[in-house]
Amino acid sequence: MARGKSANFEQQRETILAAAAKLFAEKGFHNASMAELAKACGISKPLAYHYYRDKEHILFDIADSYIDELLAIVAEVEARRLDPAEHFSALVTRFMDEYEHSQDQHMVLVQDVKFLQQEQSAHVNDKQRRVVAGFADALVRLEPGLKRQKLDKAVTMILFGMINWTFTWLRADGPLTFRDMAPIVTQIFLNGVRGLMSPDAEKEKDGGKSGGQGRALAESPPG
């Protein structure tokens, strides 16, 4: 007879997911065993299999539930109906806050999703594309020319390149917090985007000299 679900079944699964995210982040998905996970949760290995059939199922639930949190942030900021600059700043700030408090899940998402089965990976990747689309839309509101020049997705991925790997160098005992970094990222990124979209304005401002100087420096041999 199949074992029925206990009253705290979902709560126990959440405990397992949190412990697994920490274990996978520290050791890597392939190097972490179900026995180690069961020990971290204070349960037996057979009981761990009562909640999850295998490690892949756990990995999928970590990634899927974390992406759902990120999608919820996109929807939450959208619902505030802020002006374009405030909307973009709020997105970056809320994501950096989430990254700080979900570092294990974030590490698993960026490092271990590649180990999922094709169907599971496609499901997670589809949700990730929706997150990217939310940011791309926010950037297009600021600079419509990005979409006209088909740069919206590329520029958005540059932004994620700036924030997605902060966990590799931003330390809890360092001089800057994730919240400190949010306005820094926002200002650096937005000023760069605005500069990218207005090269003619720069040329007009200095009489066209900057473009020529840039070419001369690029063409000059080193030394």
N, C-alpha and C. Protein backbone atom coordinates (compact mmCIF):
# COMPACT_ATOMS: atom_id res chain seq x y z
N MET A 1 0.84 -1.20 0.00
CA MET A 1 0.00 0.00 0.00
C MET A 1 0.88 1.25 0.00
N ALA A 2 0.57 2.18 -0.88
CA ALA A 2 1.38 3.39 -0.99
C ALA A 2 1.28 4.23 0.28
N ARG A 3 2.42 4.82 0.62
CA ARG A 3 2.45 5.65 1.82
C ARG A 3 1.76 6.98 1.54
N GLY A 4 0.85 7.38 2.41
CA GLY A 4 0.12 8.62 2.21
C GLY A 4 0.94 9.83 2.59
N LYS A 5 0.46 11.01 2.18
CA LYS A 5 1.15 12.26 2.48
C LYS A 5 0.81 12.73 3.88
N SER A 6 1.84 13.17 4.62
CA SER A 6 1.62 13.68 5.96
C SER A 6 1.08 15.10 5.90
N ALA A 7 0.62 15.59 7.04
CA ALA A 7 0.03 16.93 7.09
C ALA A 7 1.06 18.00 6.75
N ASN A 8 2.33 17.73 7.06
CA ASN A 8 3.37 18.73 6.80
C ASN A 8 4.20 18.38 5.57
N PHE A 9 3.60 17.66 4.64
CA PHE A 9 4.32 17.18 3.45
C PHE A 9 4.97 18.33 2.69
N GLU A 10 4.21 19.37 2.37
CA GLU A 10 4.75 20.48 1.58
C GLU A 10 5.80 21.25 2.36
N GLN A 11 5.59 21.39 3.66
CA GLN A 11 6.57 22.07 4.49
C GLN A 11 7.90 21.31 4.50
N GLN A 12 7.82 19.99 4.57
CA GLN A 12 9.03 19.19 4.55
C GLN A 12 9.75 19.28 3.21
N ARG A 13 8.96 19.34 2.13
CA ARG A 13 9.56 19.49 0.81
C ARG A 13 10.30 20.83 0.71
N GLU A 14 9.73 21.87 1.28
CA GLU A 14 10.40 23.18 1.27
C GLU A 14 11.70 23.12 2.05
N THR A 15 11.70 22.39 3.15
CA THR A 15 12.92 22.22 3.94
C THR A 15 13.99 21.49 3.13
N ILE A 16 13.56 20.47 2.40
CA ILE A 16 14.48 19.71 1.56
C ILE A 16 15.04 20.59 0.44
N LEU A 17 14.19 21.40 -0.16
CA LEU A 17 14.64 22.28 -1.25
C LEU A 17 15.68 23.27 -0.75
N ALA A 18 15.44 23.86 0.42
CA ALA A 18 16.40 24.82 0.97
C ALA A 18 17.73 24.15 1.28
N ALA A 19 17.68 22.98 1.88
CA ALA A 19 18.91 22.25 2.21
C ALA A 19 19.63 21.81 0.94
N ALA A 20 18.87 21.37 -0.06
CA ALA A 20 19.47 20.93 -1.32
C ALA A 20 20.11 22.10 -2.05
N ALA A 21 19.46 23.25 -2.05
CA ALA A 21 20.02 24.43 -2.72
C ALA A 21 21.37 24.78 -2.10
N LYS A 22 21.44 24.73 -0.78
CA LYS A 22 22.70 25.03 -0.08
C LYS A 22 23.77 24.00 -0.42
N LEU A 23 23.38 22.75 -0.43
CA LEU A 23 24.31 21.66 -0.71
C LEU A 23 24.80 21.73 -2.16
N PHE A 24 23.87 21.93 -3.10
CA PHE A 24 24.26 22.03 -4.52
C PHE A 24 25.15 23.24 -4.76
N ALA A 25 24.84 24.36 -4.10
CA ALA A 25 25.63 25.57 -4.27
C ALA A 25 27.05 25.37 -3.75
N GLU A 26 27.19 24.63 -2.66
CA GLU A 26 28.51 24.42 -2.05
C GLU A 26 29.32 23.35 -2.77
N LYS A 27 28.66 22.27 -3.19
CA LYS A 27 29.40 21.13 -3.72
C LYS A 27 29.21 20.90 -5.21
N GLY A 28 28.16 21.50 -5.79
CA GLY A 28 27.82 21.20 -7.17
C GLY A 28 26.80 20.08 -7.20
N PHE A 29 25.92 20.10 -8.18
CA PHE A 29 24.83 19.13 -8.25
C PHE A 29 25.34 17.70 -8.28
N HIS A 30 26.32 17.40 -9.13
CA HIS A 30 26.77 16.01 -9.29
C HIS A 30 27.56 15.50 -8.08
N ASN A 31 28.15 16.41 -7.31
CA ASN A 31 28.96 15.99 -6.17
C ASN A 31 28.17 15.83 -4.88
N ALA A 32 26.92 16.25 -4.90
CA ALA A 32 26.07 16.14 -3.71
C ALA A 32 25.22 14.87 -3.80
N SER A 33 25.17 14.13 -2.73
CA SER A 33 24.41 12.86 -2.73
C SER A 33 23.10 13.00 -1.96
N MET A 34 22.19 12.08 -2.25
CA MET A 34 20.92 12.05 -1.51
C MET A 34 21.16 11.73 -0.04
N ALA A 35 22.19 10.94 0.25
CA ALA A 35 22.50 10.61 1.65
C ALA A 35 22.91 11.87 2.41
N GLU A 36 23.74 12.71 1.77
CA GLU A 36 24.16 13.97 2.40
C GLU A 36 22.97 14.90 2.60
N LEU A 37 22.10 14.92 1.60
CA LEU A 37 20.92 15.78 1.69
C LEU A 37 20.00 15.33 2.82
N ALA A 38 19.77 14.03 2.92
CA ALA A 38 18.92 13.50 4.00
C ALA A 38 19.51 13.85 5.36
N LYS A 39 20.83 13.71 5.50
CA LYS A 39 21.49 14.03 6.76
C LYS A 39 21.32 15.51 7.10
N ALA A 40 21.46 16.39 6.09
CA ALA A 40 21.31 17.83 6.31
C ALA A 40 19.90 18.18 6.76
N CYS A 41 18.92 17.38 6.33
CA CYS A 41 17.52 17.63 6.69
C CYS A 41 17.11 16.91 7.98
N GLY A 42 17.99 16.06 8.50
CA GLY A 42 17.66 15.32 9.71
C GLY A 42 16.66 14.21 9.48
N ILE A 43 16.67 13.64 8.26
CA ILE A 43 15.76 12.53 7.94
C ILE A 43 16.57 11.39 7.34
N SER A 44 15.96 10.24 7.21
CA SER A 44 16.64 9.10 6.62
C SER A 44 16.63 9.22 5.10
N LYS A 45 17.54 8.51 4.45
CA LYS A 45 17.59 8.53 2.99
C LYS A 45 16.31 7.98 2.38
N PRO A 46 15.76 6.84 2.88
CA PRO A 46 14.49 6.35 2.33
C PRO A 46 13.36 7.38 2.47
N LEU A 47 13.35 8.11 3.59
CA LEU A 47 12.30 9.12 3.77
C LEU A 47 12.48 10.27 2.79
N ALA A 48 13.72 10.60 2.48
CA ALA A 48 13.98 11.66 1.50
C ALA A 48 13.36 11.29 0.16
N TYR A 49 13.44 10.00 -0.19
CA TYR A 49 12.85 9.55 -1.46
C TYR A 49 11.32 9.54 -1.41
N HIS A 50 10.76 9.58 -0.21
CA HIS A 50 9.30 9.71 -0.09
C HIS A 50 8.85 11.09 -0.57
N TYR A 51 9.70 12.08 -0.37
CA TYR A 51 9.36 13.44 -0.77
C TYR A 51 9.80 13.77 -2.19
N TYR A 52 10.90 13.20 -2.61
CA TYR A 52 11.41 13.45 -3.97
C TYR A 52 11.97 12.17 -4.55
N ARG A 53 11.59 11.88 -5.79
CA ARG A 53 11.98 10.61 -6.38
C ARG A 53 13.46 10.55 -6.73
N ASP A 54 14.10 11.71 -7.00
CA ASP A 54 15.53 11.72 -7.33
C ASP A 54 16.08 13.15 -7.24
N LYS A 55 17.38 13.27 -7.41
CA LYS A 55 18.02 14.58 -7.31
C LYS A 55 17.57 15.52 -8.42
N GLU A 56 17.32 14.97 -9.60
CA GLU A 56 16.91 15.80 -10.73
C GLU A 56 15.58 16.50 -10.44
N HIS A 57 14.69 15.78 -9.79
CA HIS A 57 13.39 16.34 -9.42
C HIS A 57 13.58 17.50 -8.44
N ILE A 58 14.51 17.33 -7.51
CA ILE A 58 14.81 18.39 -6.55
C ILE A 58 15.41 19.59 -7.26
N LEU A 59 16.36 19.34 -8.15
CA LEU A 59 16.99 20.43 -8.91
C LEU A 59 15.96 21.22 -9.69
N PHE A 60 15.05 20.51 -10.33
CA PHE A 60 14.00 21.19 -11.10
C PHE A 60 13.14 22.06 -10.21
N ASP A 61 12.74 21.55 -9.05
CA ASP A 61 11.87 22.33 -8.16
C ASP A 61 12.60 23.56 -7.61
N ILE A 62 13.90 23.45 -7.34
CA ILE A 62 14.67 24.61 -6.88
C ILE A 62 14.65 25.69 -7.95
N ALA A 63 15.01 25.31 -9.17
CA ALA A 63 15.08 26.28 -10.27
C ALA A 63 13.71 26.85 -10.61
N ASP A 64 12.71 25.98 -10.68
CA ASP A 64 11.37 26.41 -11.09
C ASP A 64 10.75 27.35 -10.07
N SER A 65 10.88 27.02 -8.79
CA SER A 65 10.28 27.87 -7.75
C SER A 65 11.02 29.21 -7.65
N TYR A 66 12.33 29.19 -7.87
CA TYR A 66 13.10 30.43 -7.81
C TYR A 66 12.75 31.35 -8.98
N ILE A 67 12.62 30.79 -10.17
CA ILE A 67 12.21 31.59 -11.33
C ILE A 67 10.82 32.17 -11.11
N ASP A 68 9.95 31.41 -10.47
CA ASP A 68 8.61 31.94 -10.16
C ASP A 68 8.71 33.17 -9.25
N GLU A 69 9.66 33.15 -8.31
CA GLU A 69 9.86 34.32 -7.45
C GLU A 69 10.30 35.52 -8.27
N LEU A 70 11.19 35.31 -9.24
CA LEU A 70 11.67 36.41 -10.08
C LEU A 70 10.55 36.94 -10.97
N LEU A 71 9.74 36.05 -11.50
CA LEU A 71 8.59 36.48 -12.31
C LEU A 71 7.60 37.28 -11.46
N ALA A 72 7.44 36.88 -10.21
CA ALA A 72 6.54 37.61 -9.32
C ALA A 72 7.06 39.02 -9.07
N ILE A 73 8.38 39.19 -9.00
CA ILE A 73 8.96 40.52 -8.82
C ILE A 73 8.68 41.38 -10.04
N VAL A 74 8.86 40.82 -11.23
CA VAL A 74 8.57 41.56 -12.46
C VAL A 74 7.12 42.03 -12.47
N ALA A 75 6.20 41.15 -12.11
CA ALA A 75 4.77 41.49 -12.09
C ALA A 75 4.47 42.53 -11.01
N GLU A 76 5.10 42.38 -9.86
CA GLU A 76 4.88 43.32 -8.75
C GLU A 76 5.32 44.73 -9.13
N VAL A 77 6.51 44.86 -9.74
CA VAL A 77 7.00 46.18 -10.14
C VAL A 77 6.13 46.75 -11.25
N GLU A 78 5.69 45.91 -12.17
CA GLU A 78 4.82 46.36 -13.26
C GLU A 78 3.52 46.93 -12.70
N ALA A 79 3.01 46.29 -11.67
CA ALA A 79 1.73 46.72 -11.10
C ALA A 79 1.81 48.08 -10.42
N ARG A 80 3.03 48.53 -10.10
CA ARG A 80 3.18 49.83 -9.44
C ARG A 80 3.04 51.00 -10.42
N ARG A 81 3.11 50.73 -11.71
CA ARG A 81 2.92 51.75 -12.75
C ARG A 81 3.81 52.98 -12.54
N LEU A 82 5.10 52.72 -12.39
CA LEU A 82 6.07 53.78 -12.20
C LEU A 82 6.47 54.40 -13.54
N ASP A 83 7.10 55.55 -13.49
CA ASP A 83 7.62 56.11 -14.75
C ASP A 83 8.80 55.24 -15.18
N PRO A 84 9.21 55.31 -16.46
CA PRO A 84 10.21 54.38 -16.98
C PRO A 84 11.50 54.28 -16.16
N ALA A 85 12.06 55.42 -15.76
CA ALA A 85 13.32 55.37 -15.01
C ALA A 85 13.13 54.72 -13.64
N GLU A 86 12.04 55.07 -12.95
CA GLU A 86 11.76 54.48 -11.63
C GLU A 86 11.45 53.00 -11.76
N HIS A 87 10.75 52.64 -12.82
CA HIS A 87 10.40 51.24 -13.07
C HIS A 87 11.67 50.40 -13.23
N PHE A 88 12.59 50.87 -14.05
CA PHE A 88 13.83 50.13 -14.27
C PHE A 88 14.65 50.05 -12.98
N SER A 89 14.76 51.17 -12.27
CA SER A 89 15.51 51.18 -11.01
C SER A 89 14.90 50.22 -10.00
N ALA A 90 13.57 50.18 -9.93
CA ALA A 90 12.89 49.28 -8.99
C ALA A 90 13.15 47.82 -9.35
N LEU A 91 13.17 47.51 -10.63
CA LEU A 91 13.45 46.13 -11.06
C LEU A 91 14.84 45.71 -10.61
N VAL A 92 15.83 46.54 -10.89
CA VAL A 92 17.21 46.20 -10.52
C VAL A 92 17.33 46.06 -9.01
N THR A 93 16.74 46.99 -8.26
CA THR A 93 16.82 46.95 -6.80
C THR A 93 16.17 45.70 -6.23
N ARG A 94 14.97 45.38 -6.72
CA ARG A 94 14.26 44.21 -6.20
C ARG A 94 14.99 42.91 -6.55
N PHE A 95 15.59 42.85 -7.74
CA PHE A 95 16.34 41.65 -8.11
C PHE A 95 17.60 41.50 -7.26
N MET A 96 18.30 42.62 -7.03
CA MET A 96 19.49 42.54 -6.20
C MET A 96 19.14 42.12 -4.77
N ASP A 97 18.01 42.61 -4.27
CA ASP A 97 17.54 42.18 -2.94
C ASP A 97 17.28 40.68 -2.93
N GLU A 98 16.63 40.20 -3.98
CA GLU A 98 16.31 38.76 -4.05
C GLU A 98 17.59 37.94 -4.16
N TYR A 99 18.54 38.41 -4.96
CA TYR A 99 19.80 37.68 -5.10
C TYR A 99 20.52 37.55 -3.76
N GLU A 100 20.46 38.62 -2.95
CA GLU A 100 21.12 38.58 -1.65
C GLU A 100 20.51 37.53 -0.74
N HIS A 101 19.19 37.43 -0.75
CA HIS A 101 18.50 36.53 0.17
C HIS A 101 18.27 35.13 -0.40
N SER A 102 18.62 34.93 -1.66
CA SER A 102 18.42 33.62 -2.30
C SER A 102 19.69 33.19 -3.03
N GLN A 103 20.84 33.42 -2.40
CA GLN A 103 22.10 33.16 -3.09
C GLN A 103 22.26 31.69 -3.48
N ASP A 104 21.85 30.77 -2.60
CA ASP A 104 21.98 29.35 -2.93
C ASP A 104 21.14 29.00 -4.15
N GLN A 105 19.88 29.44 -4.15
CA GLN A 105 19.00 29.15 -5.28
C GLN A 105 19.53 29.80 -6.56
N HIS A 106 20.06 31.01 -6.42
CA HIS A 106 20.59 31.72 -7.58
C HIS A 106 21.80 30.99 -8.16
N MET A 107 22.69 30.52 -7.30
CA MET A 107 23.85 29.77 -7.76
C MET A 107 23.44 28.50 -8.48
N VAL A 108 22.44 27.81 -7.94
CA VAL A 108 21.95 26.59 -8.57
C VAL A 108 21.37 26.90 -9.95
N LEU A 109 20.63 27.99 -10.05
CA LEU A 109 20.02 28.36 -11.32
C LEU A 109 21.07 28.62 -12.39
N VAL A 110 22.09 29.39 -12.06
CA VAL A 110 23.08 29.78 -13.08
C VAL A 110 24.11 28.69 -13.34
N GLN A 111 24.27 27.74 -12.40
CA GLN A 111 25.32 26.74 -12.56
C GLN A 111 24.83 25.34 -12.89
N ASP A 112 23.64 24.96 -12.42
CA ASP A 112 23.25 23.55 -12.49
C ASP A 112 22.04 23.24 -13.36
N VAL A 113 21.34 24.25 -13.86
CA VAL A 113 20.16 23.97 -14.69
C VAL A 113 20.52 23.15 -15.93
N LYS A 114 21.75 23.26 -16.37
CA LYS A 114 22.19 22.51 -17.55
C LYS A 114 22.11 20.99 -17.34
N PHE A 115 21.99 20.56 -16.09
CA PHE A 115 21.92 19.13 -15.82
C PHE A 115 20.48 18.58 -15.84
N LEU A 116 19.50 19.44 -16.05
CA LEU A 116 18.11 18.99 -16.11
C LEU A 116 17.84 18.23 -17.41
N GLN A 117 16.79 17.40 -17.37
CA GLN A 117 16.33 16.75 -18.58
C GLN A 117 15.80 17.80 -19.55
N GLN A 118 15.74 17.46 -20.82
CA GLN A 118 15.39 18.43 -21.86
C GLN A 118 14.05 19.10 -21.60
N GLU A 119 13.03 18.32 -21.24
CA GLU A 119 11.71 18.89 -21.01
C GLU A 119 11.71 19.84 -19.82
N GLN A 120 12.39 19.45 -18.75
CA GLN A 120 12.47 20.30 -17.57
C GLN A 120 13.27 21.57 -17.87
N SER A 121 14.38 21.40 -18.58
CA SER A 121 15.21 22.54 -18.94
C SER A 121 14.44 23.53 -19.81
N ALA A 122 13.66 23.02 -20.75
CA ALA A 122 12.88 23.88 -21.62
C ALA A 122 11.86 24.68 -20.82
N HIS A 123 11.26 24.03 -19.82
CA HIS A 123 10.27 24.70 -18.97
C HIS A 123 10.90 25.86 -18.21
N VAL A 124 12.06 25.61 -17.59
CA VAL A 124 12.75 26.64 -16.83
C VAL A 124 13.24 27.75 -17.76
N ASN A 125 13.79 27.38 -18.90
CA ASN A 125 14.31 28.37 -19.84
C ASN A 125 13.20 29.27 -20.39
N ASP A 126 12.01 28.70 -20.58
CA ASP A 126 10.88 29.50 -21.04
C ASP A 126 10.55 30.58 -20.01
N LYS A 127 10.57 30.21 -18.74
CA LYS A 127 10.29 31.20 -17.69
C LYS A 127 11.41 32.23 -17.61
N GLN A 128 12.65 31.79 -17.82
CA GLN A 128 13.76 32.74 -17.80
C GLN A 128 13.61 33.76 -18.93
N ARG A 129 13.14 33.30 -20.08
CA ARG A 129 12.93 34.23 -21.20
C ARG A 129 11.87 35.27 -20.86
N ARG A 130 10.88 34.86 -20.08
CA ARG A 130 9.85 35.83 -19.66
C ARG A 130 10.42 36.88 -18.71
N VAL A 131 11.36 36.46 -17.86
CA VAL A 131 12.03 37.42 -16.98
C VAL A 131 12.84 38.40 -17.82
N VAL A 132 13.59 37.87 -18.77
CA VAL A 132 14.40 38.72 -19.66
C VAL A 132 13.50 39.68 -20.42
N ALA A 133 12.37 39.19 -20.89
CA ALA A 133 11.44 40.04 -21.64
C ALA A 133 10.93 41.19 -20.77
N GLY A 134 10.72 40.93 -19.49
CA GLY A 134 10.27 41.99 -18.58
C GLY A 134 11.28 43.10 -18.47
N PHE A 135 12.56 42.73 -18.39
CA PHE A 135 13.61 43.74 -18.33
C PHE A 135 13.79 44.43 -19.68
N ALA A 136 13.71 43.67 -20.76
CA ALA A 136 13.85 44.26 -22.09
C ALA A 136 12.76 45.30 -22.33
N ASP A 137 11.55 44.99 -21.90
CA ASP A 137 10.45 45.94 -22.05
C ASP A 137 10.71 47.21 -21.24
N ALA A 138 11.27 47.04 -20.03
CA ALA A 138 11.58 48.19 -19.19
C ALA A 138 12.62 49.08 -19.86
N LEU A 139 13.61 48.48 -20.51
CA LEU A 139 14.65 49.25 -21.18
C LEU A 139 14.11 49.96 -22.42
N VAL A 140 13.22 49.30 -23.14
CA VAL A 140 12.63 49.91 -24.33
C VAL A 140 11.79 51.12 -23.96
N ARG A 141 11.15 51.08 -22.80
CA ARG A 141 10.39 52.25 -22.34
C ARG A 141 11.32 53.45 -22.15
N LEU A 142 12.55 53.16 -21.72
CA LEU A 142 13.53 54.23 -21.53
C LEU A 142 14.14 54.68 -22.86
N GLU A 143 14.48 53.72 -23.70
CA GLU A 143 15.15 53.99 -24.96
C GLU A 143 14.47 53.19 -26.07
N PRO A 144 13.39 53.73 -26.67
CA PRO A 144 12.68 53.00 -27.73
C PRO A 144 13.58 52.60 -28.90
N GLY A 145 14.66 53.35 -29.11
CA GLY A 145 15.56 53.03 -30.21
C GLY A 145 16.21 51.67 -30.09
N LEU A 146 16.28 51.14 -28.87
CA LEU A 146 16.85 49.80 -28.70
C LEU A 146 16.07 48.76 -29.49
N LYS A 147 14.76 48.85 -29.44
CA LYS A 147 13.93 47.87 -30.16
C LYS A 147 14.01 48.10 -31.66
N ARG A 148 14.01 49.37 -32.08
CA ARG A 148 14.09 49.67 -33.52
C ARG A 148 15.38 49.12 -34.12
N GLN A 149 16.44 49.16 -33.34
CA GLN A 149 17.73 48.67 -33.83
C GLN A 149 17.97 47.21 -33.45
N LYS A 150 16.95 46.56 -32.90
CA LYS A 150 17.02 45.15 -32.51
C LYS A 150 18.15 44.89 -31.51
N LEU A 151 18.30 45.82 -30.58
CA LEU A 151 19.33 45.70 -29.55
C LEU A 151 18.74 45.44 -28.17
N ASP A 152 17.41 45.39 -28.07
CA ASP A 152 16.79 45.30 -26.76
C ASP A 152 17.20 44.04 -26.00
N LYS A 153 17.17 42.88 -26.66
CA LYS A 153 17.52 41.64 -25.97
C LYS A 153 19.01 41.59 -25.66
N ALA A 154 19.84 42.03 -26.61
CA ALA A 154 21.29 42.00 -26.39
C ALA A 154 21.69 42.89 -25.22
N VAL A 155 21.14 44.08 -25.16
CA VAL A 155 21.47 45.01 -24.08
C VAL A 155 20.95 44.48 -22.75
N THR A 156 19.79 43.84 -22.78
CA THR A 156 19.25 43.24 -21.55
C THR A 156 20.17 42.14 -21.03
N MET A 157 20.71 41.33 -21.93
CA MET A 157 21.62 40.27 -21.50
C MET A 157 22.92 40.85 -20.93
N ILE A 158 23.34 42.01 -21.45
CA ILE A 158 24.51 42.68 -20.87
C ILE A 158 24.21 43.06 -19.41
N LEU A 159 23.00 43.55 -19.18
CA LEU A 159 22.60 43.90 -17.81
C LEU A 159 22.65 42.67 -16.91
N PHE A 160 22.09 41.56 -17.36
CA PHE A 160 22.11 40.35 -16.53
C PHE A 160 23.54 39.86 -16.32
N GLY A 161 24.41 40.11 -17.29
CA GLY A 161 25.81 39.78 -17.10
C GLY A 161 26.43 40.58 -15.96
N MET A 162 25.93 41.80 -15.76
CA MET A 162 26.43 42.65 -14.68
C MET A 162 25.94 42.18 -13.31
N ILE A 163 24.69 41.73 -13.22
CA ILE A 163 24.12 41.45 -11.90
C ILE A 163 24.07 39.96 -11.54
N ASN A 164 24.04 39.07 -12.54
CA ASN A 164 23.83 37.66 -12.22
C ASN A 164 25.00 37.00 -11.51
N TRP A 165 26.20 37.53 -11.69
CA TRP A 165 27.38 36.88 -11.12
C TRP A 165 27.95 37.64 -9.94
N THR A 166 27.17 38.58 -9.37
CA THR A 166 27.67 39.32 -8.21
C THR A 166 27.98 38.39 -7.04
N PHE A 167 27.31 37.23 -6.98
CA PHE A 167 27.54 36.32 -5.86
C PHE A 167 28.98 35.80 -5.85
N THR A 168 29.69 35.89 -6.99
CA THR A 168 31.06 35.38 -7.04
C THR A 168 32.07 36.32 -6.41
N TRP A 169 31.68 37.59 -6.21
CA TRP A 169 32.66 38.53 -5.65
C TRP A 169 32.12 39.45 -4.56
N LEU A 170 30.81 39.62 -4.48
CA LEU A 170 30.23 40.52 -3.48
C LEU A 170 30.04 39.76 -2.17
N ARG A 171 30.81 40.13 -1.16
CA ARG A 171 30.84 39.39 0.09
C ARG A 171 29.97 40.04 1.17
N ALA A 172 29.40 39.19 2.01
CA ALA A 172 28.53 39.69 3.09
C ALA A 172 29.30 40.58 4.06
N ASP A 173 30.60 40.32 4.23
CA ASP A 173 31.40 41.11 5.16
C ASP A 173 32.18 42.21 4.46
N GLY A 174 31.84 42.48 3.19
CA GLY A 174 32.53 43.51 2.43
C GLY A 174 31.95 44.90 2.67
N PRO A 175 32.53 45.92 2.02
CA PRO A 175 32.09 47.31 2.24
C PRO A 175 30.76 47.65 1.57
N LEU A 176 30.33 46.83 0.59
CA LEU A 176 29.10 47.11 -0.14
C LEU A 176 28.11 45.96 0.00
N THR A 177 26.84 46.29 0.14
CA THR A 177 25.78 45.30 0.16
C THR A 177 25.15 45.20 -1.23
N PHE A 178 24.29 44.20 -1.41
CA PHE A 178 23.57 44.09 -2.68
C PHE A 178 22.71 45.33 -2.89
N ARG A 179 22.09 45.84 -1.82
CA ARG A 179 21.27 47.04 -1.94
C ARG A 179 22.13 48.25 -2.32
N ASP A 180 23.36 48.32 -1.80
CA ASP A 180 24.28 49.40 -2.17
C ASP A 180 24.59 49.34 -3.67
N MET A 181 24.72 48.12 -4.19
CA MET A 181 25.12 47.96 -5.58
C MET A 181 24.02 48.30 -6.56
N ALA A 182 22.76 48.19 -6.14
CA ALA A 182 21.64 48.40 -7.06
C ALA A 182 21.67 49.76 -7.75
N PRO A 183 21.78 50.89 -7.02
CA PRO A 183 21.83 52.18 -7.71
C PRO A 183 23.10 52.37 -8.52
N ILE A 184 24.20 51.74 -8.10
CA ILE A 184 25.44 51.83 -8.86
C ILE A 184 25.27 51.15 -10.22
N VAL A 185 24.73 49.95 -10.20
CA VAL A 185 24.46 49.23 -11.46
C VAL A 185 23.51 50.04 -12.33
N THR A 186 22.44 50.55 -11.71
CA THR A 186 21.44 51.30 -12.47
C THR A 186 22.06 52.50 -13.17
N GLN A 187 22.85 53.28 -12.44
CA GLN A 187 23.42 54.50 -13.02
C GLN A 187 24.46 54.19 -14.09
N ILE A 188 25.34 53.24 -13.82
CA ILE A 188 26.34 52.87 -14.82
C ILE A 188 25.66 52.34 -16.08
N PHE A 189 24.69 51.49 -15.87
CA PHE A 189 24.05 50.87 -17.02
C PHE A 189 23.24 51.87 -17.83
N LEU A 190 22.43 52.68 -17.17
CA LEU A 190 21.59 53.63 -17.90
C LEU A 190 22.41 54.69 -18.61
N ASN A 191 23.44 55.18 -18.02
CA ASN A 191 24.27 56.16 -18.69
C ASN A 191 24.94 55.55 -19.91
N GLY A 192 25.32 54.29 -19.78
CA GLY A 192 25.91 53.61 -20.93
C GLY A 192 24.92 53.42 -22.05
N VAL A 193 23.70 53.02 -21.72
CA VAL A 193 22.67 52.82 -22.74
C VAL A 193 22.35 54.13 -23.44
N ARG A 194 22.20 55.19 -22.67
CA ARG A 194 21.88 56.47 -23.26
C ARG A 194 23.00 56.96 -24.16
N GLY A 195 24.25 56.70 -23.76
CA GLY A 195 25.36 57.08 -24.62
C GLY A 195 25.37 56.27 -25.90
N LEU A 196 25.03 54.98 -25.77
CA LEU A 196 25.00 54.11 -26.94
C LEU A 196 23.98 54.57 -27.97
N MET A 197 22.85 55.09 -27.48
CA MET A 197 21.77 55.45 -28.38
C MET A 197 21.87 56.88 -28.92
N SER A 198 22.91 57.65 -28.52
CA SER A 198 22.99 59.02 -29.01
C SER A 198 24.39 59.40 -29.50
N PRO A 199 24.98 58.61 -30.41
CA PRO A 199 26.32 58.94 -30.90
C PRO A 199 26.34 60.23 -31.70
N ASP A 200 25.27 60.53 -32.42
CA ASP A 200 25.23 61.76 -33.22
C ASP A 200 25.26 62.98 -32.32
N ALA A 201 24.59 62.89 -31.16
CA ALA A 201 24.58 64.02 -30.23
C ALA A 201 25.98 64.29 -29.71
N GLU A 202 26.75 63.25 -29.47
CA GLU A 202 28.11 63.44 -28.99
C GLU A 202 28.98 64.09 -30.07
N LYS A 203 28.79 63.67 -31.30
CA LYS A 203 29.58 64.25 -32.40
C LYS A 203 29.27 65.73 -32.57
N GLU A 204 27.98 66.06 -32.45
CA GLU A 204 27.58 67.46 -32.60
C GLU A 204 28.15 68.30 -31.47
N LYS A 205 28.22 67.71 -30.27
CA LYS A 205 28.66 68.46 -29.10
C LYS A 205 30.12 68.89 -29.22
N ASP A 206 30.97 68.01 -29.82
CA ASP A 206 32.39 68.38 -29.93
C ASP A 206 32.81 68.62 -31.38
N GLY A 207 31.85 68.91 -32.23
CA GLY A 207 32.18 69.23 -33.62
C GLY A 207 32.65 68.05 -34.42
N GLY A 208 32.32 66.85 -33.98
CA GLY A 208 32.71 65.66 -34.72
C GLY A 208 34.12 65.18 -34.42
N LYS A 209 34.78 65.80 -33.45
CA LYS A 209 36.17 65.45 -33.17
C LYS A 209 36.31 64.11 -32.47
N SER A 210 35.36 63.80 -31.61
CA SER A 210 35.52 62.59 -30.81
C SER A 210 35.57 61.35 -31.66
N GLY A 211 34.73 61.31 -32.71
CA GLY A 211 34.73 60.12 -33.57
C GLY A 211 36.07 59.96 -34.25
N GLY A 212 36.64 61.08 -34.74
CA GLY A 212 37.92 61.01 -35.40
C GLY A 212 39.03 60.61 -34.46
N GLN A 213 39.01 61.13 -33.25
CA GLN A 213 40.02 60.78 -32.26
C GLN A 213 39.94 59.31 -31.92
N GLY A 214 38.70 58.82 -31.80
CA GLY A 214 38.53 57.41 -31.48
C GLY A 214 39.12 56.52 -32.56
N ARG A 215 38.89 56.88 -33.84
CA ARG A 215 39.43 56.09 -34.94
C ARG A 215 40.95 56.17 -34.96
N ALA A 216 41.49 57.35 -34.70
CA ALA A 216 42.95 57.51 -34.71
C ALA A 216 43.60 56.66 -33.63
N LEU A 217 43.01 56.64 -32.43
CA LEU A 217 43.56 55.84 -31.35
C LEU A 217 43.46 54.37 -31.67
N ALA A 218 42.32 53.97 -32.28
CA ALA A 218 42.13 52.57 -32.60
C ALA A 218 43.10 52.10 -33.68
N GLU A 219 43.45 53.02 -34.59
CA GLU A 219 44.30 52.64 -35.70
C GLU A 219 45.79 52.79 -35.40
N SER A 220 46.13 53.48 -34.29
CA SER A 220 47.53 53.69 -33.95
C SER A 220 48.12 52.41 -33.38
N PRO A 221 49.29 52.00 -33.87
CA PRO A 221 49.92 50.77 -33.34
C PRO A 221 50.42 51.02 -31.91
N PRO A 222 50.39 50.03 -31.04
CA PRO A 222 50.88 50.20 -29.67
C PRO A 222 52.36 50.52 -29.65
N GLY A 223 52.76 51.27 -28.63
CA GLY A 223 54.17 51.59 -28.47
C GLY A 223 54.61 52.70 -29.39
